[in-house]
């Protein structure tokens, strides 16, 4: 693998969202670094492929998040809005994992938070997973953590 090339090392699984999209969990590599990726893909229509909606996480973040997700109840009705954790990706940039309500629906959010001299707040990077599929999300995340061991 070339130093600057991207490669999917391990496709963990997919989470169907609707008839035209899915969320893919994978272990990827870029410039010699392995990381976990959760990204939305369009599967029908004019464009088929990856979208901008997604997040990458270091193996350390995945190992820290996995037990937090595993502890969540499988019943989506039992999930309350809460921040599950904030994890440093690099200086000035963190990933915040939370259950939140937006426009009347609950979701599991993985969002980047930037905090430096230039800007403090949410970035455009992140993904919202349907909380109705929490059991499948927990299984996929556990597989991703195991693949990074």
C-alpha atoms as a PDB file:
ATOM      1  CA  UNK A   1       0.000   0.000   0.000  1.00  0.00           C
ATOM      2  CA  UNK A   2       1.399   3.379  -0.994  1.00  0.00           C
ATOM      3  CA  UNK A   3       2.104   5.832   1.815  1.00  0.00           C
ATOM      4  CA  UNK A   4      -0.586   8.310   0.744  1.00  0.00           C
ATOM      5  CA  UNK A   5      -3.269   5.883  -0.447  1.00  0.00           C
ATOM      6  CA  UNK A   6      -6.639   5.113   1.106  1.00  0.00           C
ATOM      7  CA  UNK A   7      -7.728   1.519   1.594  1.00  0.00           C
ATOM      8  CA  UNK A   8     -10.678  -0.267   3.173  1.00  0.00           C
ATOM      9  CA  UNK A   9      -9.031  -2.943   5.312  1.00  0.00           C
ATOM     10  CA  UNK A  10     -12.124  -4.594   6.764  1.00  0.00           C
ATOM     11  CA  UNK A  11     -15.768  -4.062   5.930  1.00  0.00           C
ATOM     12  CA  UNK A  12     -17.539  -4.642   9.257  1.00  0.00           C
ATOM     13  CA  UNK A  13     -21.142  -4.397   8.107  1.00  0.00           C
ATOM     14  CA  UNK A  14     -24.006  -2.212   6.955  1.00  0.00           C
ATOM     15  CA  UNK A  15     -27.036  -0.687   8.598  1.00  0.00           C
ATOM     16  CA  UNK A  16     -29.900  -0.147   6.128  1.00  0.00           C
ATOM     17  CA  UNK A  17     -31.522   3.262   6.629  1.00  0.00           C
ATOM     18  CA  UNK A  18     -34.134   3.333   3.868  1.00  0.00           C
ATOM     19  CA  UNK A  19     -34.570   2.032   0.315  1.00  0.00           C
ATOM     20  CA  UNK A  20     -31.920   4.404  -1.068  1.00  0.00           C
ATOM     21  CA  UNK A  21     -29.253   4.600   1.658  1.00  0.00           C
ATOM     22  CA  UNK A  22     -27.236   2.627   4.165  1.00  0.00           C
ATOM     23  CA  UNK A  23     -24.599   3.273   6.786  1.00  0.00           C
ATOM     24  CA  UNK A  24     -21.355   1.321   6.467  1.00  0.00           C
ATOM     25  CA  UNK A  25     -19.027   0.448   9.315  1.00  0.00           C
ATOM     26  CA  UNK A  26     -15.439  -0.292   8.284  1.00  0.00           C
ATOM     27  CA  UNK A  27     -11.790  -0.280   9.271  1.00  0.00           C
ATOM     28  CA  UNK A  28      -9.796   1.856   6.849  1.00  0.00           C
ATOM     29  CA  UNK A  29      -6.224   3.014   6.409  1.00  0.00           C
ATOM     30  CA  UNK A  30      -4.827   6.281   5.141  1.00  0.00           C
ATOM     31  CA  UNK A  31      -1.173   7.322   5.080  1.00  0.00           C
ATOM     32  CA  UNK A  32      -0.254   4.297   7.160  1.00  0.00           C
ATOM     33  CA  UNK A  33      -2.793   4.924   9.964  1.00  0.00           C
ATOM     34  CA  UNK A  34      -5.705   2.608  10.757  1.00  0.00           C
ATOM     35  CA  UNK A  35      -9.013   4.067  11.834  1.00  0.00           C
ATOM     36  CA  UNK A  36     -12.673   3.161  12.180  1.00  0.00           C
ATOM     37  CA  UNK A  37     -15.171   4.739   9.821  1.00  0.00           C
ATOM     38  CA  UNK A  38     -18.950   5.116   9.964  1.00  0.00           C
ATOM     39  CA  UNK A  39     -20.252   6.640   6.724  1.00  0.00           C
ATOM     40  CA  UNK A  40     -23.571   7.036   4.942  1.00  0.00           C
ATOM     41  CA  UNK A  41     -23.779   5.679   1.377  1.00  0.00           C
ATOM     42  CA  UNK A  42     -26.455   6.259  -1.225  1.00  0.00           C
ATOM     43  CA  UNK A  43     -27.493   3.025  -2.935  1.00  0.00           C
ATOM     44  CA  UNK A  44     -30.045   4.289  -5.480  1.00  0.00           C
ATOM     45  CA  UNK A  45     -30.652   7.369  -7.594  1.00  0.00           C
ATOM     46  CA  UNK A  46     -28.454   9.507  -9.831  1.00  0.00           C
ATOM     47  CA  UNK A  47     -25.474   9.292  -7.476  1.00  0.00           C
ATOM     48  CA  UNK A  48     -24.464   6.031  -5.856  1.00  0.00           C
ATOM     49  CA  UNK A  49     -21.624   6.066  -3.352  1.00  0.00           C
ATOM     50  CA  UNK A  50     -20.260   7.686  -0.206  1.00  0.00           C
ATOM     51  CA  UNK A  51     -21.732  10.906   1.149  1.00  0.00           C
ATOM     52  CA  UNK A  52     -20.133  13.542   3.353  1.00  0.00           C
ATOM     53  CA  UNK A  53     -22.124  12.296   6.348  1.00  0.00           C
ATOM     54  CA  UNK A  54     -19.721  10.244   8.391  1.00  0.00           C
ATOM     55  CA  UNK A  55     -17.079  10.143  11.073  1.00  0.00           C
ATOM     56  CA  UNK A  56     -13.658   8.570  11.542  1.00  0.00           C
ATOM     57  CA  UNK A  57     -12.324   7.461  14.901  1.00  0.00           C
ATOM     58  CA  UNK A  58      -8.966   6.341  16.184  1.00  0.00           C
ATOM     59  CA  UNK A  59      -8.717   2.819  17.614  1.00  0.00           C
ATOM     60  CA  UNK A  60      -8.447   4.379  21.091  1.00  0.00           C
ATOM     61  CA  UNK A  61     -11.763   6.218  20.678  1.00  0.00           C
ATOM     62  CA  UNK A  62     -13.492   3.053  19.447  1.00  0.00           C
ATOM     63  CA  UNK A  63     -12.180   1.103  22.463  1.00  0.00           C
ATOM     64  CA  UNK A  64     -13.505   3.817  24.809  1.00  0.00           C
ATOM     65  CA  UNK A  65     -16.922   4.131  23.115  1.00  0.00           C
ATOM     66  CA  UNK A  66     -17.629   0.383  22.726  1.00  0.00           C
ATOM     67  CA  UNK A  67     -18.395  -0.321  26.416  1.00  0.00           C
ATOM     68  CA  UNK A  68     -20.563   2.820  26.654  1.00  0.00           C
ATOM     69  CA  UNK A  69     -22.720   1.639  23.751  1.00  0.00           C
ATOM     70  CA  UNK A  70     -22.804  -1.937  25.060  1.00  0.00           C
ATOM     71  CA  UNK A  71     -24.266  -0.655  28.343  1.00  0.00           C
ATOM     72  CA  UNK A  72     -27.212   1.038  26.584  1.00  0.00           C
ATOM     73  CA  UNK A  73     -30.575  -0.759  26.691  1.00  0.00           C
ATOM     74  CA  UNK A  74     -31.701  -2.523  23.497  1.00  0.00           C
ATOM     75  CA  UNK A  75     -35.143  -0.896  23.741  1.00  0.00           C
ATOM     76  CA  UNK A  76     -35.023   2.535  22.018  1.00  0.00           C
ATOM     77  CA  UNK A  77     -37.923   3.766  24.202  1.00  0.00           C
ATOM     78  CA  UNK A  78     -35.659   3.489  27.253  1.00  0.00           C
ATOM     79  CA  UNK A  79     -32.994   5.798  25.793  1.00  0.00           C
ATOM     80  CA  UNK A  80     -32.985   9.354  27.143  1.00  0.00           C
ATOM     81  CA  UNK A  81     -31.178  12.378  25.732  1.00  0.00           C
ATOM     82  CA  UNK A  82     -27.675  12.335  27.217  1.00  0.00           C
ATOM     83  CA  UNK A  83     -24.047  12.890  26.347  1.00  0.00           C
ATOM     84  CA  UNK A  84     -22.265   9.542  26.515  1.00  0.00           C
ATOM     85  CA  UNK A  85     -18.772  10.966  26.290  1.00  0.00           C
ATOM     86  CA  UNK A  86     -16.243  13.344  24.775  1.00  0.00           C
ATOM     87  CA  UNK A  87     -13.123  11.809  23.271  1.00  0.00           C
ATOM     88  CA  UNK A  88     -10.011  13.659  22.094  1.00  0.00           C
ATOM     89  CA  UNK A  89      -9.159  12.961  18.459  1.00  0.00           C
ATOM     90  CA  UNK A  90      -6.217  15.354  18.413  1.00  0.00           C
ATOM     91  CA  UNK A  91      -5.443  18.625  20.229  1.00  0.00           C
ATOM     92  CA  UNK A  92      -8.365  20.995  19.731  1.00  0.00           C
ATOM     93  CA  UNK A  93     -10.635  18.369  18.147  1.00  0.00           C
ATOM     94  CA  UNK A  94     -12.890  15.895  19.947  1.00  0.00           C
ATOM     95  CA  UNK A  95     -15.665  13.492  19.092  1.00  0.00           C
ATOM     96  CA  UNK A  96     -18.810  13.793  21.189  1.00  0.00           C
ATOM     97  CA  UNK A  97     -21.122  10.782  21.336  1.00  0.00           C
ATOM     98  CA  UNK A  98     -24.643  11.529  22.495  1.00  0.00           C
ATOM     99  CA  UNK A  99     -28.264  10.539  22.272  1.00  0.00           C
ATOM    100  CA  UNK A 100     -30.238  13.573  21.193  1.00  0.00           C
ATOM    101  CA  UNK A 101     -33.641  14.595  19.902  1.00  0.00           C
ATOM    102  CA  UNK A 102     -33.934  16.586  16.681  1.00  0.00           C
ATOM    103  CA  UNK A 103     -37.187  17.473  14.931  1.00  0.00           C
ATOM    104  CA  UNK A 104     -39.093  15.021  17.104  1.00  0.00           C
ATOM    105  CA  UNK A 105     -36.859  11.989  16.535  1.00  0.00           C
ATOM    106  CA  UNK A 106     -34.085  10.532  18.662  1.00  0.00           C
ATOM    107  CA  UNK A 107     -30.738   9.542  17.264  1.00  0.00           C
ATOM    108  CA  UNK A 108     -27.271   8.440  18.276  1.00  0.00           C
ATOM    109  CA  UNK A 109     -24.915  11.231  17.235  1.00  0.00           C
ATOM    110  CA  UNK A 110     -21.198  11.026  16.596  1.00  0.00           C
ATOM    111  CA  UNK A 111     -20.072  14.655  16.032  1.00  0.00           C
ATOM    112  CA  UNK A 112     -16.767  16.491  15.927  1.00  0.00           C
ATOM    113  CA  UNK A 113     -16.290  19.411  18.316  1.00  0.00           C
ATOM    114  CA  UNK A 114     -13.521  21.908  17.600  1.00  0.00           C
ATOM    115  CA  UNK A 115     -12.053  24.078  20.316  1.00  0.00           C
ATOM    116  CA  UNK A 116      -9.114  26.277  19.385  1.00  0.00           C
ATOM    117  CA  UNK A 117      -8.178  29.917  18.795  1.00  0.00           C
ATOM    118  CA  UNK A 118      -9.966  30.076  15.436  1.00  0.00           C
ATOM    119  CA  UNK A 119     -13.282  28.424  16.326  1.00  0.00           C
ATOM    120  CA  UNK A 120     -15.220  26.822  19.155  1.00  0.00           C
ATOM    121  CA  UNK A 121     -18.197  24.658  18.248  1.00  0.00           C
ATOM    122  CA  UNK A 122     -19.512  21.814  16.109  1.00  0.00           C
ATOM    123  CA  UNK A 123     -17.835  21.048  12.796  1.00  0.00           C
ATOM    124  CA  UNK A 124     -19.599  19.685   9.712  1.00  0.00           C
ATOM    125  CA  UNK A 125     -18.214  16.198  10.358  1.00  0.00           C
ATOM    126  CA  UNK A 126     -20.469  13.670  11.983  1.00  0.00           C
ATOM    127  CA  UNK A 127     -23.240  11.173  11.552  1.00  0.00           C
ATOM    128  CA  UNK A 128     -26.606  10.517  13.163  1.00  0.00           C
ATOM    129  CA  UNK A 129     -27.619   6.886  13.549  1.00  0.00           C
ATOM    130  CA  UNK A 130     -31.264   5.832  13.941  1.00  0.00           C
ATOM    131  CA  UNK A 131     -31.830   4.946  17.584  1.00  0.00           C
ATOM    132  CA  UNK A 132     -34.512   2.437  16.515  1.00  0.00           C
ATOM    133  CA  UNK A 133     -31.623   0.246  15.341  1.00  0.00           C
ATOM    134  CA  UNK A 134     -29.636   0.504  18.582  1.00  0.00           C
ATOM    135  CA  UNK A 135     -29.254  -3.269  18.921  1.00  0.00           C
ATOM    136  CA  UNK A 136     -27.694  -3.569  15.431  1.00  0.00           C
ATOM    137  CA  UNK A 137     -25.516  -0.496  16.059  1.00  0.00           C
ATOM    138  CA  UNK A 138     -24.174  -2.036  19.265  1.00  0.00           C
ATOM    139  CA  UNK A 139     -23.353  -5.295  17.433  1.00  0.00           C
ATOM    140  CA  UNK A 140     -21.592  -3.497  14.567  1.00  0.00           C
ATOM    141  CA  UNK A 141     -19.631  -1.310  16.967  1.00  0.00           C
ATOM    142  CA  UNK A 142     -18.528  -4.358  18.996  1.00  0.00           C
ATOM    143  CA  UNK A 143     -17.323  -6.017  15.767  1.00  0.00           C
ATOM    144  CA  UNK A 144     -15.432  -2.849  14.858  1.00  0.00           C
ATOM    145  CA  UNK A 145     -13.743  -2.720  18.284  1.00  0.00           C
ATOM    146  CA  UNK A 146     -12.786  -6.395  18.021  1.00  0.00           C
ATOM    147  CA  UNK A 147     -11.329  -5.869  14.521  1.00  0.00           C
ATOM    148  CA  UNK A 148      -9.084  -3.107  15.880  1.00  0.00           C
ATOM    149  CA  UNK A 149      -7.605  -5.351  18.602  1.00  0.00           C
END
